[in-house]
Amino acid sequence: MEFVFWTFIILSFGIAFAGLIYPIIPSVLFILLGFILYGLFFTFDDFSWLFWTIQILFIILLFGADYAANLFGVKRFGGSKAGIWGSTIGLLIGPIVIPVIGILIGPLAGAVIGELVVNRTPFKQALKIGFGSLIGFITSVITKGTIQAVMIIIFFIYV
């Protein structure tokens, strides 16, 4: 039975990493689900106040990293709020419309379209902003993936 419990815990962590590629999946909730499943299946005694404090700080960092990377990528290349919103919408829609490659095309196209339609930005500048959005997204995935991995490593240290 222990094998089944660990399967559910590891599966929740795996889904969290899938959320890096499919941002509609709330990664942080699946990491927390893994912690809670461990507590329910085994014991919460392994989790001290220090464990929860560290994890909560990482959760805050995850939310901040996601927003900051996108904001940095678009703003750094001269984008506006329209580019940020377009990038975010493209990030959510892209993988659904064009599986696999849509995760890269979505934020780029969304930022470009947002800048072209809302601000009437010249195409060349809008494309530059779109690439900034893509760089921000890739930076975000790497940063969030690292933070999630550290959270899970800390989990295994405690258990």
N, C-alpha and C. Protein backbone atom coordinates (compact mmCIF):
# COMPACT_ATOMS: atom_id res chain seq x y z
N MET A 1 0.83 -1.20 0.00
CA MET A 1 0.00 0.00 0.00
C MET A 1 0.87 1.26 0.00
N GLU A 2 2.02 1.17 0.62
CA GLU A 2 2.93 2.30 0.67
C GLU A 2 3.33 2.74 -0.74
N PHE A 3 3.52 1.77 -1.63
CA PHE A 3 3.87 2.06 -3.02
C PHE A 3 2.80 2.92 -3.69
N VAL A 4 1.54 2.62 -3.44
CA VAL A 4 0.43 3.38 -4.02
C VAL A 4 0.44 4.81 -3.49
N PHE A 5 0.69 4.96 -2.20
CA PHE A 5 0.74 6.30 -1.60
C PHE A 5 1.84 7.14 -2.24
N TRP A 6 3.03 6.55 -2.35
CA TRP A 6 4.16 7.26 -2.95
C TRP A 6 3.90 7.56 -4.42
N THR A 7 3.17 6.70 -5.10
CA THR A 7 2.84 6.95 -6.51
C THR A 7 2.01 8.22 -6.62
N PHE A 8 1.03 8.39 -5.76
CA PHE A 8 0.20 9.59 -5.78
C PHE A 8 1.02 10.84 -5.45
N ILE A 9 1.91 10.73 -4.49
CA ILE A 9 2.75 11.87 -4.10
C ILE A 9 3.66 12.28 -5.26
N ILE A 10 4.35 11.30 -5.84
CA ILE A 10 5.27 11.58 -6.95
C ILE A 10 4.48 12.09 -8.17
N LEU A 11 3.31 11.54 -8.40
CA LEU A 11 2.47 11.99 -9.52
C LEU A 11 2.09 13.46 -9.36
N SER A 12 1.76 13.86 -8.14
CA SER A 12 1.41 15.27 -7.92
C SER A 12 2.61 16.17 -8.19
N PHE A 13 3.81 15.73 -7.83
CA PHE A 13 5.01 16.51 -8.13
C PHE A 13 5.25 16.57 -9.65
N GLY A 14 5.01 15.46 -10.33
CA GLY A 14 5.17 15.43 -11.78
C GLY A 14 4.21 16.37 -12.48
N ILE A 15 2.97 16.40 -12.02
CA ILE A 15 1.99 17.31 -12.60
C ILE A 15 2.42 18.76 -12.37
N ALA A 16 3.03 19.03 -11.21
CA ALA A 16 3.53 20.38 -10.94
C ALA A 16 4.56 20.79 -11.98
N PHE A 17 5.43 19.87 -12.38
CA PHE A 17 6.43 20.20 -13.40
C PHE A 17 5.79 20.33 -14.78
N ALA A 18 4.73 19.59 -15.03
CA ALA A 18 3.99 19.76 -16.29
C ALA A 18 3.40 21.16 -16.37
N GLY A 19 3.08 21.73 -15.22
CA GLY A 19 2.55 23.08 -15.16
C GLY A 19 3.54 24.14 -15.63
N LEU A 20 4.81 23.80 -15.69
CA LEU A 20 5.79 24.73 -16.24
C LEU A 20 5.57 24.93 -17.73
N ILE A 21 5.14 23.87 -18.39
CA ILE A 21 4.93 23.91 -19.82
C ILE A 21 3.48 24.28 -20.15
N TYR A 22 2.56 23.82 -19.33
CA TYR A 22 1.15 24.16 -19.51
C TYR A 22 0.72 25.02 -18.33
N PRO A 23 0.85 26.34 -18.45
CA PRO A 23 0.63 27.22 -17.31
C PRO A 23 -0.79 27.24 -16.76
N ILE A 24 -1.71 26.58 -17.43
CA ILE A 24 -3.07 26.51 -16.90
C ILE A 24 -3.12 25.56 -15.69
N ILE A 25 -2.10 24.71 -15.57
CA ILE A 25 -1.98 23.79 -14.43
C ILE A 25 -1.34 24.57 -13.28
N PRO A 26 -2.01 24.66 -12.14
CA PRO A 26 -1.45 25.41 -10.99
C PRO A 26 -0.35 24.60 -10.28
N SER A 27 0.86 24.75 -10.74
CA SER A 27 1.99 23.96 -10.25
C SER A 27 2.12 23.94 -8.74
N VAL A 28 2.07 25.11 -8.15
CA VAL A 28 2.31 25.21 -6.71
C VAL A 28 1.26 24.42 -5.92
N LEU A 29 0.04 24.37 -6.41
CA LEU A 29 -1.00 23.61 -5.71
C LEU A 29 -0.71 22.11 -5.74
N PHE A 30 -0.11 21.63 -6.83
CA PHE A 30 0.21 20.21 -6.91
C PHE A 30 1.41 19.86 -6.04
N ILE A 31 2.33 20.79 -5.86
CA ILE A 31 3.43 20.55 -4.92
C ILE A 31 2.86 20.47 -3.51
N LEU A 32 2.00 21.42 -3.17
CA LEU A 32 1.36 21.39 -1.85
C LEU A 32 0.53 20.13 -1.67
N LEU A 33 -0.14 19.69 -2.72
CA LEU A 33 -0.92 18.46 -2.66
C LEU A 33 -0.01 17.28 -2.30
N GLY A 34 1.18 17.23 -2.89
CA GLY A 34 2.13 16.17 -2.56
C GLY A 34 2.49 16.18 -1.08
N PHE A 35 2.71 17.37 -0.53
CA PHE A 35 3.03 17.48 0.90
C PHE A 35 1.86 17.01 1.76
N ILE A 36 0.66 17.45 1.38
CA ILE A 36 -0.53 17.09 2.15
C ILE A 36 -0.82 15.60 2.04
N LEU A 37 -0.65 15.04 0.85
CA LEU A 37 -0.85 13.59 0.70
C LEU A 37 0.12 12.81 1.59
N TYR A 38 1.35 13.27 1.64
CA TYR A 38 2.32 12.60 2.51
C TYR A 38 1.84 12.66 3.96
N GLY A 39 1.39 13.83 4.36
CA GLY A 39 0.91 13.98 5.74
C GLY A 39 -0.30 13.09 6.02
N LEU A 40 -1.22 13.00 5.08
CA LEU A 40 -2.42 12.18 5.27
C LEU A 40 -2.10 10.68 5.23
N PHE A 41 -1.23 10.29 4.29
CA PHE A 41 -0.90 8.87 4.14
C PHE A 41 0.06 8.38 5.22
N PHE A 42 0.96 9.26 5.65
CA PHE A 42 1.98 8.85 6.61
C PHE A 42 1.86 9.66 7.89
N THR A 43 2.46 10.86 7.91
CA THR A 43 2.37 11.70 9.10
C THR A 43 2.76 13.14 8.77
N PHE A 44 2.15 14.06 9.48
CA PHE A 44 2.54 15.46 9.35
C PHE A 44 3.66 15.81 10.32
N ASP A 45 4.02 14.89 11.20
CA ASP A 45 5.05 15.14 12.20
C ASP A 45 6.40 15.47 11.60
N ASP A 46 6.66 15.00 10.39
CA ASP A 46 7.94 15.27 9.73
C ASP A 46 8.10 16.73 9.31
N PHE A 47 6.98 17.44 9.25
CA PHE A 47 7.01 18.83 8.77
C PHE A 47 7.01 19.79 9.95
N SER A 48 8.14 20.39 10.21
CA SER A 48 8.26 21.36 11.30
C SER A 48 7.77 22.73 10.84
N TRP A 49 7.72 23.67 11.76
CA TRP A 49 7.35 25.03 11.41
C TRP A 49 8.37 25.62 10.44
N LEU A 50 9.64 25.20 10.56
CA LEU A 50 10.68 25.68 9.65
C LEU A 50 10.41 25.19 8.23
N PHE A 51 9.99 23.92 8.10
CA PHE A 51 9.66 23.37 6.79
C PHE A 51 8.56 24.20 6.13
N TRP A 52 7.48 24.45 6.85
CA TRP A 52 6.35 25.20 6.29
C TRP A 52 6.73 26.65 6.00
N THR A 53 7.56 27.25 6.84
CA THR A 53 8.01 28.62 6.60
C THR A 53 8.82 28.71 5.32
N ILE A 54 9.75 27.78 5.14
CA ILE A 54 10.57 27.74 3.93
C ILE A 54 9.69 27.54 2.70
N GLN A 55 8.75 26.60 2.79
CA GLN A 55 7.89 26.31 1.64
C GLN A 55 7.00 27.50 1.29
N ILE A 56 6.47 28.18 2.28
CA ILE A 56 5.63 29.35 2.02
C ILE A 56 6.44 30.46 1.36
N LEU A 57 7.68 30.63 1.81
CA LEU A 57 8.54 31.64 1.17
C LEU A 57 8.82 31.27 -0.29
N PHE A 58 9.02 30.00 -0.56
CA PHE A 58 9.23 29.55 -1.94
C PHE A 58 7.96 29.74 -2.78
N ILE A 59 6.81 29.53 -2.19
CA ILE A 59 5.55 29.73 -2.91
C ILE A 59 5.42 31.20 -3.31
N ILE A 60 5.71 32.09 -2.39
CA ILE A 60 5.67 33.53 -2.68
C ILE A 60 6.68 33.85 -3.79
N LEU A 61 7.86 33.26 -3.70
CA LEU A 61 8.89 33.46 -4.71
C LEU A 61 8.44 32.94 -6.07
N LEU A 62 7.73 31.81 -6.09
CA LEU A 62 7.21 31.28 -7.35
C LEU A 62 6.26 32.25 -8.03
N PHE A 63 5.33 32.79 -7.27
CA PHE A 63 4.38 33.74 -7.85
C PHE A 63 5.10 35.00 -8.33
N GLY A 64 6.02 35.46 -7.55
CA GLY A 64 6.78 36.66 -7.92
C GLY A 64 7.65 36.43 -9.14
N ALA A 65 8.28 35.27 -9.23
CA ALA A 65 9.17 34.96 -10.35
C ALA A 65 8.39 34.91 -11.65
N ASP A 66 7.21 34.34 -11.61
CA ASP A 66 6.39 34.24 -12.81
C ASP A 66 6.04 35.63 -13.35
N TYR A 67 5.56 36.47 -12.48
CA TYR A 67 5.15 37.81 -12.89
C TYR A 67 6.36 38.64 -13.31
N ALA A 68 7.43 38.60 -12.50
CA ALA A 68 8.61 39.42 -12.76
C ALA A 68 9.29 39.05 -14.07
N ALA A 69 9.39 37.78 -14.38
CA ALA A 69 10.07 37.36 -15.61
C ALA A 69 9.30 37.84 -16.83
N ASN A 70 7.99 37.71 -16.82
CA ASN A 70 7.18 38.17 -17.94
C ASN A 70 7.27 39.70 -18.06
N LEU A 71 7.14 40.38 -16.95
CA LEU A 71 7.21 41.83 -16.94
C LEU A 71 8.57 42.30 -17.44
N PHE A 72 9.64 41.67 -16.95
CA PHE A 72 10.99 42.04 -17.37
C PHE A 72 11.18 41.81 -18.86
N GLY A 73 10.75 40.65 -19.34
CA GLY A 73 10.94 40.32 -20.75
C GLY A 73 10.26 41.31 -21.68
N VAL A 74 9.03 41.67 -21.36
CA VAL A 74 8.28 42.59 -22.22
C VAL A 74 8.79 44.02 -22.04
N LYS A 75 8.93 44.47 -20.81
CA LYS A 75 9.35 45.85 -20.54
C LYS A 75 10.77 46.12 -21.04
N ARG A 76 11.64 45.15 -20.87
CA ARG A 76 13.04 45.30 -21.27
C ARG A 76 13.16 45.58 -22.77
N PHE A 77 12.23 45.07 -23.54
CA PHE A 77 12.26 45.26 -24.98
C PHE A 77 11.28 46.34 -25.44
N GLY A 78 10.82 47.18 -24.50
CA GLY A 78 10.00 48.34 -24.87
C GLY A 78 8.51 48.10 -24.92
N GLY A 79 8.04 47.01 -24.34
CA GLY A 79 6.62 46.69 -24.39
C GLY A 79 5.81 47.42 -23.34
N SER A 80 4.51 47.34 -23.50
CA SER A 80 3.57 47.99 -22.60
C SER A 80 2.70 46.93 -21.91
N LYS A 81 1.69 47.40 -21.20
CA LYS A 81 0.74 46.48 -20.56
C LYS A 81 0.02 45.64 -21.61
N ALA A 82 -0.21 46.21 -22.78
CA ALA A 82 -0.86 45.45 -23.85
C ALA A 82 0.00 44.25 -24.25
N GLY A 83 1.30 44.45 -24.30
CA GLY A 83 2.22 43.35 -24.62
C GLY A 83 2.23 42.30 -23.53
N ILE A 84 2.20 42.74 -22.28
CA ILE A 84 2.18 41.80 -21.14
C ILE A 84 0.90 40.98 -21.16
N TRP A 85 -0.25 41.67 -21.33
CA TRP A 85 -1.52 40.95 -21.37
C TRP A 85 -1.60 40.01 -22.58
N GLY A 86 -1.14 40.50 -23.71
CA GLY A 86 -1.15 39.66 -24.91
C GLY A 86 -0.28 38.44 -24.73
N SER A 87 0.88 38.63 -24.12
CA SER A 87 1.79 37.51 -23.85
C SER A 87 1.14 36.48 -22.92
N THR A 88 0.49 36.96 -21.89
CA THR A 88 -0.17 36.08 -20.93
C THR A 88 -1.30 35.29 -21.60
N ILE A 89 -2.10 35.98 -22.38
CA ILE A 89 -3.20 35.31 -23.08
C ILE A 89 -2.65 34.30 -24.08
N GLY A 90 -1.61 34.70 -24.80
CA GLY A 90 -0.98 33.78 -25.76
C GLY A 90 -0.38 32.57 -25.08
N LEU A 91 0.13 32.77 -23.88
CA LEU A 91 0.71 31.67 -23.12
C LEU A 91 -0.36 30.65 -22.72
N LEU A 92 -1.55 31.13 -22.45
CA LEU A 92 -2.64 30.23 -22.06
C LEU A 92 -3.28 29.55 -23.28
N ILE A 93 -3.41 30.29 -24.36
CA ILE A 93 -4.10 29.77 -25.54
C ILE A 93 -3.17 28.99 -26.47
N GLY A 94 -1.92 29.43 -26.58
CA GLY A 94 -0.97 28.83 -27.51
C GLY A 94 -0.88 27.32 -27.46
N PRO A 95 -0.66 26.72 -26.27
CA PRO A 95 -0.53 25.27 -26.21
C PRO A 95 -1.82 24.52 -26.57
N ILE A 96 -2.96 25.18 -26.43
CA ILE A 96 -4.23 24.54 -26.76
C ILE A 96 -4.43 24.55 -28.28
N VAL A 97 -4.14 25.69 -28.90
CA VAL A 97 -4.35 25.85 -30.34
C VAL A 97 -3.30 25.07 -31.14
N ILE A 98 -2.05 25.19 -30.74
CA ILE A 98 -0.95 24.50 -31.43
C ILE A 98 -0.19 23.68 -30.39
N PRO A 99 -0.60 22.43 -30.16
CA PRO A 99 0.08 21.62 -29.14
C PRO A 99 1.60 21.61 -29.35
N VAL A 100 2.31 21.55 -28.26
CA VAL A 100 3.76 21.50 -28.14
C VAL A 100 4.41 22.84 -28.51
N ILE A 101 4.46 23.20 -29.78
CA ILE A 101 5.15 24.42 -30.21
C ILE A 101 4.39 25.68 -29.81
N GLY A 102 3.10 25.55 -29.53
CA GLY A 102 2.28 26.69 -29.12
C GLY A 102 2.74 27.33 -27.83
N ILE A 103 3.45 26.57 -27.02
CA ILE A 103 3.96 27.11 -25.76
C ILE A 103 5.02 28.19 -26.02
N LEU A 104 5.68 28.11 -27.17
CA LEU A 104 6.67 29.12 -27.53
C LEU A 104 6.07 30.20 -28.43
N ILE A 105 5.21 29.78 -29.34
CA ILE A 105 4.61 30.74 -30.28
C ILE A 105 3.56 31.61 -29.58
N GLY A 106 2.82 31.03 -28.64
CA GLY A 106 1.73 31.75 -27.97
C GLY A 106 2.14 33.07 -27.33
N PRO A 107 3.13 33.05 -26.40
CA PRO A 107 3.50 34.32 -25.77
C PRO A 107 4.09 35.34 -26.75
N LEU A 108 4.86 34.84 -27.72
CA LEU A 108 5.44 35.72 -28.72
C LEU A 108 4.34 36.37 -29.55
N ALA A 109 3.46 35.56 -30.09
CA ALA A 109 2.36 36.08 -30.93
C ALA A 109 1.42 36.96 -30.12
N GLY A 110 1.13 36.56 -28.89
CA GLY A 110 0.23 37.36 -28.05
C GLY A 110 0.78 38.75 -27.78
N ALA A 111 2.06 38.82 -27.47
CA ALA A 111 2.67 40.13 -27.21
C ALA A 111 2.69 40.98 -28.48
N VAL A 112 3.02 40.36 -29.60
CA VAL A 112 3.05 41.09 -30.87
C VAL A 112 1.65 41.62 -31.20
N ILE A 113 0.65 40.76 -31.12
CA ILE A 113 -0.72 41.17 -31.43
C ILE A 113 -1.20 42.26 -30.47
N GLY A 114 -0.90 42.08 -29.18
CA GLY A 114 -1.30 43.08 -28.19
C GLY A 114 -0.71 44.45 -28.51
N GLU A 115 0.56 44.48 -28.84
CA GLU A 115 1.22 45.75 -29.16
C GLU A 115 0.69 46.34 -30.46
N LEU A 116 0.47 45.51 -31.48
CA LEU A 116 -0.01 46.00 -32.77
C LEU A 116 -1.42 46.57 -32.66
N VAL A 117 -2.29 45.83 -31.99
CA VAL A 117 -3.71 46.22 -31.94
C VAL A 117 -3.95 47.38 -30.98
N VAL A 118 -3.42 47.29 -29.77
CA VAL A 118 -3.73 48.30 -28.76
C VAL A 118 -2.90 49.57 -28.94
N ASN A 119 -1.61 49.43 -29.15
CA ASN A 119 -0.73 50.60 -29.19
C ASN A 119 -0.32 51.03 -30.60
N ARG A 120 -0.73 50.23 -31.58
CA ARG A 120 -0.35 50.51 -32.97
C ARG A 120 1.18 50.64 -33.11
N THR A 121 1.87 49.78 -32.38
CA THR A 121 3.33 49.74 -32.42
C THR A 121 3.77 49.24 -33.81
N PRO A 122 4.83 49.82 -34.38
CA PRO A 122 5.33 49.32 -35.66
C PRO A 122 5.68 47.82 -35.55
N PHE A 123 5.46 47.09 -36.64
CA PHE A 123 5.62 45.63 -36.61
C PHE A 123 6.99 45.20 -36.11
N LYS A 124 8.03 45.84 -36.59
CA LYS A 124 9.40 45.46 -36.19
C LYS A 124 9.59 45.59 -34.68
N GLN A 125 9.10 46.68 -34.10
CA GLN A 125 9.19 46.89 -32.65
C GLN A 125 8.30 45.89 -31.91
N ALA A 126 7.11 45.62 -32.42
CA ALA A 126 6.21 44.65 -31.79
C ALA A 126 6.84 43.26 -31.79
N LEU A 127 7.51 42.92 -32.87
CA LEU A 127 8.19 41.62 -32.95
C LEU A 127 9.32 41.54 -31.92
N LYS A 128 10.04 42.63 -31.76
CA LYS A 128 11.11 42.69 -30.75
C LYS A 128 10.52 42.48 -29.34
N ILE A 129 9.39 43.11 -29.10
CA ILE A 129 8.70 42.96 -27.81
C ILE A 129 8.24 41.50 -27.64
N GLY A 130 7.74 40.90 -28.71
CA GLY A 130 7.33 39.50 -28.67
C GLY A 130 8.49 38.58 -28.30
N PHE A 131 9.66 38.83 -28.87
CA PHE A 131 10.84 38.03 -28.51
C PHE A 131 11.23 38.26 -27.06
N GLY A 132 11.06 39.49 -26.59
CA GLY A 132 11.30 39.77 -25.17
C GLY A 132 10.37 38.96 -24.29
N SER A 133 9.13 38.85 -24.72
CA SER A 133 8.15 38.06 -23.98
C SER A 133 8.57 36.59 -23.95
N LEU A 134 9.04 36.09 -25.07
CA LEU A 134 9.49 34.70 -25.15
C LEU A 134 10.69 34.47 -24.24
N ILE A 135 11.62 35.40 -24.22
CA ILE A 135 12.77 35.30 -23.32
C ILE A 135 12.31 35.31 -21.87
N GLY A 136 11.36 36.20 -21.57
CA GLY A 136 10.80 36.24 -20.21
C GLY A 136 10.15 34.93 -19.82
N PHE A 137 9.41 34.33 -20.76
CA PHE A 137 8.75 33.05 -20.48
C PHE A 137 9.78 31.95 -20.22
N ILE A 138 10.78 31.87 -21.06
CA ILE A 138 11.80 30.83 -20.88
C ILE A 138 12.55 31.03 -19.56
N THR A 139 12.85 32.27 -19.25
CA THR A 139 13.49 32.58 -17.96
C THR A 139 12.59 32.15 -16.81
N SER A 140 11.31 32.42 -16.94
CA SER A 140 10.35 32.05 -15.91
C SER A 140 10.29 30.53 -15.72
N VAL A 141 10.27 29.79 -16.81
CA VAL A 141 10.22 28.32 -16.72
C VAL A 141 11.46 27.78 -16.01
N ILE A 142 12.61 28.30 -16.36
CA ILE A 142 13.85 27.84 -15.73
C ILE A 142 13.86 28.20 -14.24
N THR A 143 13.48 29.42 -13.94
CA THR A 143 13.46 29.87 -12.54
C THR A 143 12.45 29.08 -11.72
N LYS A 144 11.22 28.95 -12.23
CA LYS A 144 10.19 28.21 -11.48
C LYS A 144 10.54 26.73 -11.36
N GLY A 145 11.11 26.17 -12.42
CA GLY A 145 11.53 24.76 -12.35
C GLY A 145 12.58 24.54 -11.27
N THR A 146 13.51 25.47 -11.18
CA THR A 146 14.55 25.38 -10.15
C THR A 146 13.94 25.50 -8.75
N ILE A 147 13.06 26.47 -8.57
CA ILE A 147 12.42 26.67 -7.26
C ILE A 147 11.60 25.43 -6.88
N GLN A 148 10.83 24.91 -7.82
CA GLN A 148 10.03 23.71 -7.54
C GLN A 148 10.93 22.53 -7.18
N ALA A 149 12.02 22.36 -7.88
CA ALA A 149 12.95 21.27 -7.58
C ALA A 149 13.52 21.42 -6.17
N VAL A 150 13.86 22.64 -5.80
CA VAL A 150 14.39 22.89 -4.45
C VAL A 150 13.32 22.59 -3.41
N MET A 151 12.07 22.98 -3.67
CA MET A 151 10.98 22.68 -2.72
C MET A 151 10.84 21.17 -2.51
N ILE A 152 10.93 20.42 -3.58
CA ILE A 152 10.77 18.97 -3.49
C ILE A 152 11.98 18.33 -2.82
N ILE A 153 13.17 18.85 -3.10
CA ILE A 153 14.37 18.34 -2.43
C ILE A 153 14.27 18.56 -0.93
N ILE A 154 13.82 19.75 -0.53
CA ILE A 154 13.63 20.05 0.89
C ILE A 154 12.61 19.08 1.50
N PHE A 155 11.55 18.80 0.76
CA PHE A 155 10.55 17.83 1.21
C PHE A 155 11.22 16.49 1.51
N PHE A 156 12.03 16.01 0.57
CA PHE A 156 12.67 14.69 0.77
C PHE A 156 13.72 14.73 1.88
N ILE A 157 14.33 15.86 2.12
CA ILE A 157 15.25 15.99 3.25
C ILE A 157 14.49 15.81 4.57
N TYR A 158 13.32 16.41 4.63
CA TYR A 158 12.52 16.34 5.86
C TYR A 158 11.87 14.96 6.09
N VAL A 159 11.54 14.27 5.02
CA VAL A 159 10.88 12.98 5.21
C VAL A 159 11.93 11.89 5.16
